[in-house]
PDB file of N, CA and C in Angstrom:
ATOM      1  N   MET A   1     182.460  79.633 120.582  1.00  0.00           N
ATOM      2  CA  MET A   1     182.202  78.310 120.062  1.00  0.00           C
ATOM      3  C   MET A   1     183.518  77.568 119.842  1.00  0.00           C
ATOM      4  N   ARG A   2     183.544  76.323 120.262  1.00  0.00           N
ATOM      5  CA  ARG A   2     184.774  75.539 120.192  1.00  0.00           C
ATOM      6  C   ARG A   2     184.944  74.893 118.815  1.00  0.00           C
ATOM      7  N   THR A   3     186.204  74.751 118.409  1.00  0.00           N
ATOM      8  CA  THR A   3     186.526  74.076 117.158  1.00  0.00           C
ATOM      9  C   THR A   3     187.703  73.133 117.389  1.00  0.00           C
ATOM     10  N   ILE A   4     187.831  72.158 116.501  1.00  0.00           N
ATOM     11  CA  ILE A   4     189.011  71.287 116.497  1.00  0.00           C
ATOM     12  C   ILE A   4     189.465  71.129 115.050  1.00  0.00           C
ATOM     13  N   THR A   5     190.688  70.673 114.880  1.00  0.00           N
ATOM     14  CA  THR A   5     191.215  70.421 113.539  1.00  0.00           C
ATOM     15  C   THR A   5     190.807  69.014 113.097  1.00  0.00           C
ATOM     16  N   THR A   6     190.974  68.737 111.817  1.00  0.00           N
ATOM     17  CA  THR A   6     190.640  67.400 111.324  1.00  0.00           C
ATOM     18  C   THR A   6     191.583  66.344 111.906  1.00  0.00           C
ATOM     19  N   SER A   7     192.832  66.695 112.159  1.00  0.00           N
ATOM     20  CA  SER A   7     193.744  65.707 112.756  1.00  0.00           C
ATOM     21  C   SER A   7     193.347  65.420 114.206  1.00  0.00           C
ATOM     22  N   GLU A   8     192.863  66.437 114.922  1.00  0.00           N
ATOM     23  CA  GLU A   8     192.354  66.198 116.282  1.00  0.00           C
ATOM     24  C   GLU A   8     191.105  65.315 116.219  1.00  0.00           C
ATOM     25  N   LEU A   9     190.254  65.558 115.214  1.00  0.00           N
ATOM     26  CA  LEU A   9     189.060  64.736 115.056  1.00  0.00           C
ATOM     27  C   LEU A   9     189.427  63.287 114.784  1.00  0.00           C
ATOM     28  N   GLU A  10     190.445  63.080 113.971  1.00  0.00           N
ATOM     29  CA  GLU A  10     190.876  61.715 113.653  1.00  0.00           C
ATOM     30  C   GLU A  10     191.232  60.965 114.931  1.00  0.00           C
ATOM     31  N   ALA A  11     191.904  61.628 115.862  1.00  0.00           N
ATOM     32  CA  ALA A  11     192.258  61.008 117.144  1.00  0.00           C
ATOM     33  C   ALA A  11     191.005  60.730 117.972  1.00  0.00           C
ATOM     34  N   VAL A  12     190.086  61.686 118.003  1.00  0.00           N
ATOM     35  CA  VAL A  12     188.832  61.539 118.765  1.00  0.00           C
ATOM     36  C   VAL A  12     188.008  60.374 118.225  1.00  0.00           C
ATOM     37  N   MET A  13     188.032  60.177 116.899  1.00  0.00           N
ATOM     38  CA  MET A  13     187.227  59.137 116.261  1.00  0.00           C
ATOM     39  C   MET A  13     187.715  57.719 116.579  1.00  0.00           C
ATOM     40  N   GLN A  14     188.865  57.609 117.243  1.00  0.00           N
ATOM     41  CA  GLN A  14     189.329  56.286 117.671  1.00  0.00           C
ATOM     42  C   GLN A  14     188.352  55.691 118.690  1.00  0.00           C
ATOM     43  N   ASP A  15     187.688  56.559 119.430  1.00  0.00           N
ATOM     44  CA  ASP A  15     186.660  56.147 120.385  1.00  0.00           C
ATOM     45  C   ASP A  15     185.373  55.936 119.592  1.00  0.00           C
ATOM     46  N   LYS A  16     184.929  54.698 119.506  1.00  0.00           N
ATOM     47  CA  LYS A  16     183.774  54.350 118.679  1.00  0.00           C
ATOM     48  C   LYS A  16     182.464  54.964 119.173  1.00  0.00           C
ATOM     49  N   SER A  17     182.450  55.511 120.389  1.00  0.00           N
ATOM     50  CA  SER A  17     181.217  56.118 120.907  1.00  0.00           C
ATOM     51  C   SER A  17     181.112  57.606 120.555  1.00  0.00           C
ATOM     52  N   THR A  18     182.121  58.135 119.847  1.00  0.00           N
ATOM     53  CA  THR A  18     182.114  59.544 119.452  1.00  0.00           C
ATOM     54  C   THR A  18     180.916  59.837 118.553  1.00  0.00           C
ATOM     55  N   VAL A  19     180.240  60.951 118.831  1.00  0.00           N
ATOM     56  CA  VAL A  19     179.110  61.379 117.993  1.00  0.00           C
ATOM     57  C   VAL A  19     179.619  62.423 117.010  1.00  0.00           C
ATOM     58  N   LEU A  20     179.604  62.067 115.714  1.00  0.00           N
ATOM     59  CA  LEU A  20     179.996  62.979 114.646  1.00  0.00           C
ATOM     60  C   LEU A  20     178.812  63.151 113.709  1.00  0.00           C
ATOM     61  N   LEU A  21     178.309  64.371 113.641  1.00  0.00           N
ATOM     62  CA  LEU A  21     177.200  64.668 112.748  1.00  0.00           C
ATOM     63  C   LEU A  21     177.728  65.385 111.506  1.00  0.00           C
ATOM     64  N   ASP A  22     177.391  64.848 110.350  1.00  0.00           N
ATOM     65  CA  ASP A  22     177.755  65.451 109.067  1.00  0.00           C
ATOM     66  C   ASP A  22     176.564  66.303 108.639  1.00  0.00           C
ATOM     67  N   VAL A  23     176.732  67.626 108.628  1.00  0.00           N
ATOM     68  CA  VAL A  23     175.608  68.529 108.381  1.00  0.00           C
ATOM     69  C   VAL A  23     175.495  68.951 106.913  1.00  0.00           C
ATOM     70  N   ARG A  24     176.165  68.219 106.026  1.00  0.00           N
ATOM     71  CA  ARG A  24     176.047  68.509 104.595  1.00  0.00           C
ATOM     72  C   ARG A  24     174.736  67.919 104.051  1.00  0.00           C
ATOM     73  N   THR A  25     174.520  68.078 102.764  1.00  0.00           N
ATOM     74  CA  THR A  25     173.327  67.507 102.133  1.00  0.00           C
ATOM     75  C   THR A  25     173.517  66.001 101.972  1.00  0.00           C
ATOM     76  N   ALA A  26     172.420  65.301 101.731  1.00  0.00           N
ATOM     77  CA  ALA A  26     172.485  63.845 101.514  1.00  0.00           C
ATOM     78  C   ALA A  26     173.377  63.522 100.311  1.00  0.00           C
ATOM     79  N   GLN A  27     173.302  64.332  99.280  1.00  0.00           N
ATOM     80  CA  GLN A  27     174.117  64.114  98.083  1.00  0.00           C
ATOM     81  C   GLN A  27     175.609  64.258  98.402  1.00  0.00           C
ATOM     82  N   GLU A  28     175.958  65.282  99.175  1.00  0.00           N
ATOM     83  CA  GLU A  28     177.360  65.475  99.563  1.00  0.00           C
ATOM     84  C   GLU A  28     177.846  64.303 100.417  1.00  0.00           C
ATOM     85  N   TYR A  29     177.007  63.879 101.363  1.00  0.00           N
ATOM     86  CA  TYR A  29     177.337  62.770 102.276  1.00  0.00           C
ATOM     87  C   TYR A  29     177.601  61.495 101.483  1.00  0.00           C
ATOM     88  N   THR A  30     176.712  61.203 100.524  1.00  0.00           N
ATOM     89  CA  THR A  30     176.849  60.007  99.692  1.00  0.00           C
ATOM     90  C   THR A  30     178.124  60.063  98.867  1.00  0.00           C
ATOM     91  N   GLY A  31     178.542  61.267  98.506  1.00  0.00           N
ATOM     92  CA  GLY A  31     179.761  61.446  97.727  1.00  0.00           C
ATOM     93  C   GLY A  31     181.033  61.128  98.490  1.00  0.00           C
ATOM     94  N   GLY A  32     180.940  60.941  99.789  1.00  0.00           N
ATOM     95  CA  GLY A  32     182.092  60.591 100.616  1.00  0.00           C
ATOM     96  C   GLY A  32     181.977  61.172 102.001  1.00  0.00           C
ATOM     97  N   HIS A  33     182.045  60.300 103.007  1.00  0.00           N
ATOM     98  CA  HIS A  33     181.947  60.752 104.394  1.00  0.00           C
ATOM     99  C   HIS A  33     182.875  59.940 105.290  1.00  0.00           C
ATOM    100  N   ILE A  34     183.051  60.426 106.487  1.00  0.00           N
ATOM    101  CA  ILE A  34     183.914  59.769 107.467  1.00  0.00           C
ATOM    102  C   ILE A  34     183.159  58.594 108.086  1.00  0.00           C
ATOM    103  N   LYS A  35     183.858  57.467 108.224  1.00  0.00           N
ATOM    104  CA  LYS A  35     183.241  56.291 108.847  1.00  0.00           C
ATOM    105  C   LYS A  35     182.766  56.660 110.253  1.00  0.00           C
ATOM    106  N   GLY A  36     181.522  56.336 110.543  1.00  0.00           N
ATOM    107  CA  GLY A  36     180.957  56.630 111.853  1.00  0.00           C
ATOM    108  C   GLY A  36     180.185  57.941 111.891  1.00  0.00           C
ATOM    109  N   ALA A  37     180.325  58.770 110.838  1.00  0.00           N
ATOM    110  CA  ALA A  37     179.597  60.038 110.787  1.00  0.00           C
ATOM    111  C   ALA A  37     178.130  59.759 110.449  1.00  0.00           C
ATOM    112  N   ARG A  38     177.255  60.484 111.116  1.00  0.00           N
ATOM    113  CA  ARG A  38     175.822  60.343 110.883  1.00  0.00           C
ATOM    114  C   ARG A  38     175.332  61.562 110.111  1.00  0.00           C
ATOM    115  N   LEU A  39     174.595  61.326 109.046  1.00  0.00           N
ATOM    116  CA  LEU A  39     174.047  62.430 108.261  1.00  0.00           C
ATOM    117  C   LEU A  39     172.954  63.128 109.050  1.00  0.00           C
ATOM    118  N   PHE A  40     173.107  64.435 109.217  1.00  0.00           N
ATOM    119  CA  PHE A  40     172.092  65.258 109.880  1.00  0.00           C
ATOM    120  C   PHE A  40     172.187  66.650 109.264  1.00  0.00           C
ATOM    121  N   PRO A  41     171.556  66.848 108.081  1.00  0.00           N
ATOM    122  CA  PRO A  41     171.703  68.111 107.352  1.00  0.00           C
ATOM    123  C   PRO A  41     171.405  69.347 108.201  1.00  0.00           C
ATOM    124  N   LEU A  42     172.110  70.421 107.894  1.00  0.00           N
ATOM    125  CA  LEU A  42     171.978  71.671 108.642  1.00  0.00           C
ATOM    126  C   LEU A  42     170.529  72.140 108.732  1.00  0.00           C
ATOM    127  N   ASP A  43     169.773  71.975 107.654  1.00  0.00           N
ATOM    128  CA  ASP A  43     168.387  72.457 107.680  1.00  0.00           C
ATOM    129  C   ASP A  43     167.477  71.652 108.610  1.00  0.00           C
ATOM    130  N   ARG A  44     168.010  70.535 109.159  1.00  0.00           N
ATOM    131  CA  ARG A  44     167.242  69.737 110.122  1.00  0.00           C
ATOM    132  C   ARG A  44     167.856  69.750 111.519  1.00  0.00           C
ATOM    133  N   ILE A  45     169.005  70.416 111.683  1.00  0.00           N
ATOM    134  CA  ILE A  45     169.759  70.326 112.938  1.00  0.00           C
ATOM    135  C   ILE A  45     168.943  70.807 114.143  1.00  0.00           C
ATOM    136  N   HIS A  46     168.005  71.713 113.920  1.00  0.00           N
ATOM    137  CA  HIS A  46     167.164  72.204 115.022  1.00  0.00           C
ATOM    138  C   HIS A  46     166.286  71.102 115.617  1.00  0.00           C
ATOM    139  N   THR A  47     166.147  69.966 114.902  1.00  0.00           N
ATOM    140  CA  THR A  47     165.333  68.848 115.402  1.00  0.00           C
ATOM    141  C   THR A  47     166.181  67.805 116.146  1.00  0.00           C
ATOM    142  N   TYR A  48     167.498  68.015 116.219  1.00  0.00           N
ATOM    143  CA  TYR A  48     168.388  67.036 116.861  1.00  0.00           C
ATOM    144  C   TYR A  48     168.046  66.881 118.335  1.00  0.00           C
ATOM    145  N   GLU A  49     167.957  65.619 118.765  1.00  0.00           N
ATOM    146  CA  GLU A  49     167.673  65.333 120.167  1.00  0.00           C
ATOM    147  C   GLU A  49     168.555  64.195 120.648  1.00  0.00           C
ATOM    148  N   GLY A  50     169.806  64.496 120.881  1.00  0.00           N
ATOM    149  CA  GLY A  50     170.749  63.506 121.382  1.00  0.00           C
ATOM    150  C   GLY A  50     170.978  63.682 122.863  1.00  0.00           C
ATOM    151  N   LYS A  51     171.905  62.860 123.386  1.00  0.00           N
ATOM    152  CA  LYS A  51     172.254  62.929 124.798  1.00  0.00           C
ATOM    153  C   LYS A  51     173.016  64.215 125.079  1.00  0.00           C
ATOM    154  N   LYS A  52     172.583  64.961 126.080  1.00  0.00           N
ATOM    155  CA  LYS A  52     173.220  66.255 126.357  1.00  0.00           C
ATOM    156  C   LYS A  52     174.521  66.148 127.148  1.00  0.00           C
ATOM    157  N   GLY A  53     174.813  65.015 127.740  1.00  0.00           N
ATOM    158  CA  GLY A  53     176.018  64.888 128.550  1.00  0.00           C
ATOM    159  C   GLY A  53     177.290  64.670 127.751  1.00  0.00           C
ATOM    160  N   SER A  54     177.156  64.268 126.481  1.00  0.00           N
ATOM    161  CA  SER A  54     178.354  63.965 125.703  1.00  0.00           C
ATOM    162  C   SER A  54     178.622  65.040 124.651  1.00  0.00           C
ATOM    163  N   THR A  55     179.841  65.063 124.159  1.00  0.00           N
ATOM    164  CA  THR A  55     180.252  66.043 123.159  1.00  0.00           C
ATOM    165  C   THR A  55     179.782  65.611 121.780  1.00  0.00           C
ATOM    166  N   ILE A  56     179.320  66.583 120.993  1.00  0.00           N
ATOM    167  CA  ILE A  56     178.898  66.330 119.618  1.00  0.00           C
ATOM    168  C   ILE A  56     179.857  67.071 118.702  1.00  0.00           C
ATOM    169  N   TYR A  57     180.409  66.351 117.739  1.00  0.00           N
ATOM    170  CA  TYR A  57     181.297  66.953 116.752  1.00  0.00           C
ATOM    171  C   TYR A  57     180.504  67.143 115.468  1.00  0.00           C
ATOM    172  N   LEU A  58     180.727  68.280 114.806  1.00  0.00           N
ATOM    173  CA  LEU A  58     179.993  68.605 113.592  1.00  0.00           C
ATOM    174  C   LEU A  58     180.950  68.896 112.450  1.00  0.00           C
ATOM    175  N   ILE A  59     180.655  68.314 111.288  1.00  0.00           N
ATOM    176  CA  ILE A  59     181.514  68.531 110.115  1.00  0.00           C
ATOM    177  C   ILE A  59     180.636  68.834 108.900  1.00  0.00           C
ATOM    178  N   CYS A  60     181.183  69.643 107.995  1.00  0.00           N
ATOM    179  CA  CYS A  60     180.510  69.945 106.732  1.00  0.00           C
ATOM    180  C   CYS A  60     181.578  69.937 105.640  1.00  0.00           C
ATOM    181  N   HIS A  61     181.369  70.691 104.587  1.00  0.00           N
ATOM    182  CA  HIS A  61     182.341  70.722 103.490  1.00  0.00           C
ATOM    183  C   HIS A  61     183.574  71.552 103.838  1.00  0.00           C
ATOM    184  N   SER A  62     183.350  72.780 104.342  1.00  0.00           N
ATOM    185  CA  SER A  62     184.485  73.678 104.592  1.00  0.00           C
ATOM    186  C   SER A  62     184.581  74.198 106.027  1.00  0.00           C
ATOM    187  N   GLY A  63     183.540  73.990 106.821  1.00  0.00           N
ATOM    188  CA  GLY A  63     183.554  74.471 108.201  1.00  0.00           C
ATOM    189  C   GLY A  63     182.514  75.533 108.500  1.00  0.00           C
ATOM    190  N   THR A  64     181.912  76.111 107.470  1.00  0.00           N
ATOM    191  CA  THR A  64     180.937  77.186 107.668  1.00  0.00           C
ATOM    192  C   THR A  64     179.620  76.657 108.241  1.00  0.00           C
ATOM    193  N   ARG A  65     179.067  75.631 107.613  1.00  0.00           N
ATOM    194  CA  ARG A  65     177.796  75.079 108.099  1.00  0.00           C
ATOM    195  C   ARG A  65     177.951  74.410 109.455  1.00  0.00           C
ATOM    196  N   SER A  66     179.090  73.761 109.679  1.00  0.00           N
ATOM    197  CA  SER A  66     179.286  73.098 110.976  1.00  0.00           C
ATOM    198  C   SER A  66     179.378  74.120 112.099  1.00  0.00           C
ATOM    199  N   LYS A  67     179.942  75.300 111.827  1.00  0.00           N
ATOM    200  CA  LYS A  67     179.975  76.368 112.833  1.00  0.00           C
ATOM    201  C   LYS A  67     178.563  76.809 113.185  1.00  0.00           C
ATOM    202  N   ARG A  68     177.727  76.996 112.165  1.00  0.00           N
ATOM    203  CA  ARG A  68     176.338  77.394 112.404  1.00  0.00           C
ATOM    204  C   ARG A  68     175.596  76.324 113.205  1.00  0.00           C
ATOM    205  N   ALA A  69     175.812  75.064 112.848  1.00  0.00           N
ATOM    206  CA  ALA A  69     175.160  73.959 113.548  1.00  0.00           C
ATOM    207  C   ALA A  69     175.630  73.887 115.003  1.00  0.00           C
ATOM    208  N   ALA A  70     176.928  74.057 115.218  1.00  0.00           N
ATOM    209  CA  ALA A  70     177.474  74.007 116.582  1.00  0.00           C
ATOM    210  C   ALA A  70     176.906  75.141 117.427  1.00  0.00           C
ATOM    211  N   LYS A  71     176.787  76.321 116.845  1.00  0.00           N
ATOM    212  CA  LYS A  71     176.227  77.461 117.572  1.00  0.00           C
ATOM    213  C   LYS A  71     174.781  77.169 117.973  1.00  0.00           C
ATOM    214  N   LEU A  72     174.002  76.652 117.039  1.00  0.00           N
ATOM    215  CA  LEU A  72     172.603  76.343 117.309  1.00  0.00           C
ATOM    216  C   LEU A  72     172.464  75.270 118.405  1.00  0.00           C
ATOM    217  N   LEU A  73     173.265  74.207 118.290  1.00  0.00           N
ATOM    218  CA  LEU A  73     173.187  73.134 119.295  1.00  0.00           C
ATOM    219  C   LEU A  73     173.686  73.611 120.660  1.00  0.00           C
ATOM    220  N   SER A  74     174.700  74.475 120.667  1.00  0.00           N
ATOM    221  CA  SER A  74     175.192  75.029 121.931  1.00  0.00           C
ATOM    222  C   SER A  74     174.095  75.830 122.624  1.00  0.00           C
ATOM    223  N   GLN A  75     173.333  76.585 121.848  1.00  0.00           N
ATOM    224  CA  GLN A  75     172.220  77.354 122.405  1.00  0.00           C
ATOM    225  C   GLN A  75     171.144  76.449 122.997  1.00  0.00           C
ATOM    226  N   LYS A  76     171.071  75.216 122.491  1.00  0.00           N
ATOM    227  CA  LYS A  76     170.098  74.250 123.004  1.00  0.00           C
ATOM    228  C   LYS A  76     170.664  73.442 124.188  1.00  0.00           C
ATOM    229  N   GLY A  77     171.894  73.766 124.604  1.00  0.00           N
ATOM    230  CA  GLY A  77     172.477  73.120 125.775  1.00  0.00           C
ATOM    231  C   GLY A  77     173.410  71.956 125.496  1.00  0.00           C
ATOM    232  N   TYR A  78     173.771  71.740 124.235  1.00  0.00           N
ATOM    233  CA  TYR A  78     174.693  70.655 123.885  1.00  0.00           C
ATOM    234  C   TYR A  78     176.133  71.147 123.907  1.00  0.00           C
ATOM    235  N   ASP A  79     177.064  70.219 124.164  1.00  0.00           N
ATOM    236  CA  ASP A  79     178.489  70.510 124.056  1.00  0.00           C
ATOM    237  C   ASP A  79     178.862  70.207 122.610  1.00  0.00           C
ATOM    238  N   ALA A  80     178.805  71.219 121.752  1.00  0.00           N
ATOM    239  CA  ALA A  80     178.996  71.045 120.316  1.00  0.00           C
ATOM    240  C   ALA A  80     180.313  71.664 119.856  1.00  0.00           C
ATOM    241  N   ILE A  81     181.045  70.908 119.041  1.00  0.00           N
ATOM    242  CA  ILE A  81     182.341  71.347 118.537  1.00  0.00           C
ATOM    243  C   ILE A  81     182.364  71.232 117.011  1.00  0.00           C
ATOM    244  N   SER A  82     182.745  72.322 116.356  1.00  0.00           N
ATOM    245  CA  SER A  82     182.836  72.356 114.894  1.00  0.00           C
ATOM    246  C   SER A  82     184.236  71.927 114.448  1.00  0.00           C
ATOM    247  N   VAL A  83     184.279  71.194 113.321  1.00  0.00           N
ATOM    248  CA  VAL A  83     185.555  70.753 112.761  1.00  0.00           C
ATOM    249  C   VAL A  83     186.029  71.782 111.732  1.00  0.00           C
ATOM    250  N   LYS A  84     187.167  72.430 112.044  1.00  0.00           N
ATOM    251  CA  LYS A  84     187.742  73.466 111.168  1.00  0.00           C
ATOM    252  C   LYS A  84     188.137  72.879 109.814  1.00  0.00           C
ATOM    253  N   GLY A  85     187.739  73.567 108.745  1.00  0.00           N
ATOM    254  CA  GLY A  85     188.145  73.140 107.397  1.00  0.00           C
ATOM    255  C   GLY A  85     187.277  72.054 106.805  1.00  0.00           C
ATOM    256  N   GLY A  86     186.457  71.411 107.629  1.00  0.00           N
ATOM    257  CA  GLY A  86     185.523  70.393 107.151  1.00  0.00           C
ATOM    258  C   GLY A  86     186.162  69.288 106.334  1.00  0.00           C
ATOM    259  N   MET A  87     185.365  68.714 105.442  1.00  0.00           N
ATOM    260  CA  MET A  87     185.834  67.599 104.625  1.00  0.00           C
ATOM    261  C   MET A  87     186.955  68.020 103.669  1.00  0.00           C
ATOM    262  N   MET A  88     187.036  69.304 103.357  1.00  0.00           N
ATOM    263  CA  MET A  88     188.129  69.782 102.492  1.00  0.00           C
ATOM    264  C   MET A  88     189.482  69.572 103.161  1.00  0.00           C
ATOM    265  N   SER A  89     189.511  69.565 104.493  1.00  0.00           N
ATOM    266  CA  SER A  89     190.766  69.395 105.226  1.00  0.00           C
ATOM    267  C   SER A  89     191.000  67.960 105.689  1.00  0.00           C
ATOM    268  N   TRP A  90     189.989  67.127 105.611  1.00  0.00           N
ATOM    269  CA  TRP A  90     190.084  65.751 106.109  1.00  0.00           C
ATOM    270  C   TRP A  90     191.068  64.957 105.261  1.00  0.00           C
ATOM    271  N   GLN A  91     192.053  64.332 105.916  1.00  0.00           N
ATOM    272  CA  GLN A  91     193.071  63.541 105.218  1.00  0.00           C
ATOM    273  C   GLN A  91     192.883  62.039 105.404  1.00  0.00           C
ATOM    274  N   GLY A  92     191.974  61.664 106.316  1.00  0.00           N
ATOM    275  CA  GLY A  92     191.767  60.255 106.609  1.00  0.00           C
ATOM    276  C   GLY A  92     190.920  59.543 105.560  1.00  0.00           C
ATOM    277  N   LYS A  93     190.597  58.297 105.849  1.00  0.00           N
ATOM    278  CA  LYS A  93     189.773  57.493 104.945  1.00  0.00           C
ATOM    279  C   LYS A  93     188.339  58.028 104.925  1.00  0.00           C
ATOM    280  N   ILE A  94     187.712  57.810 103.761  1.00  0.00           N
ATOM    281  CA  ILE A  94     186.299  58.137 103.647  1.00  0.00           C
ATOM    282  C   ILE A  94     185.552  56.939 103.080  1.00  0.00           C
ATOM    283  N   ILE A  95     184.259  56.930 103.312  1.00  0.00           N
ATOM    284  CA  ILE A  95     183.389  55.876 102.784  1.00  0.00           C
ATOM    285  C   ILE A  95     182.579  56.508 101.649  1.00  0.00           C
ATOM    286  N   GLY A  96     182.504  55.795 100.519  1.00  0.00           N
ATOM    287  CA  GLY A  96     181.777  56.314  99.362  1.00  0.00           C
ATOM    288  C   GLY A  96     182.612  57.356  98.648  1.00  0.00           C
ATOM    289  N   GLY A  97     182.145  57.788  97.500  1.00  0.00           N
ATOM    290  CA  GLY A  97     182.852  58.824  96.751  1.00  0.00           C
ATOM    291  C   GLY A  97     184.266  58.389  96.387  1.00  0.00           C
ATOM    292  N   LYS A  98     185.098  59.339  96.099  1.00  0.00           N
ATOM    293  CA  LYS A  98     186.505  59.032  95.814  1.00  0.00           C
ATOM    294  C   LYS A  98     187.409  60.140  96.341  1.00  0.00           C
ATOM    295  N   LYS A  99     188.498  59.733  96.915  1.00  0.00           N
ATOM    296  CA  LYS A  99     189.463  60.686  97.457  1.00  0.00           C
ATOM    297  C   LYS A  99     190.844  60.081  97.410  1.00  0.00           C
TER     298      LYS A  99
END
């Protein structure tokens, strides 16, 4: 399973068409998330039906849930990449919450 660092993600997010799924809970997401990230909690990730030709980036709090989500989506035929360290490692701007 592929992973990237948060600084690599920051560069990728310059492309506004990047798909970033935040697999944390709604409460965690509301507490602060990356601009452009879409909430898609881990317990619902099996229902994800996006475009299979593009890469999907997954982020959570520390990287554990995003790894599980990436593995599951990869098994479904998606090009899924987990963000190492999750929001704990993110140094960029966030929306909501405080950082």
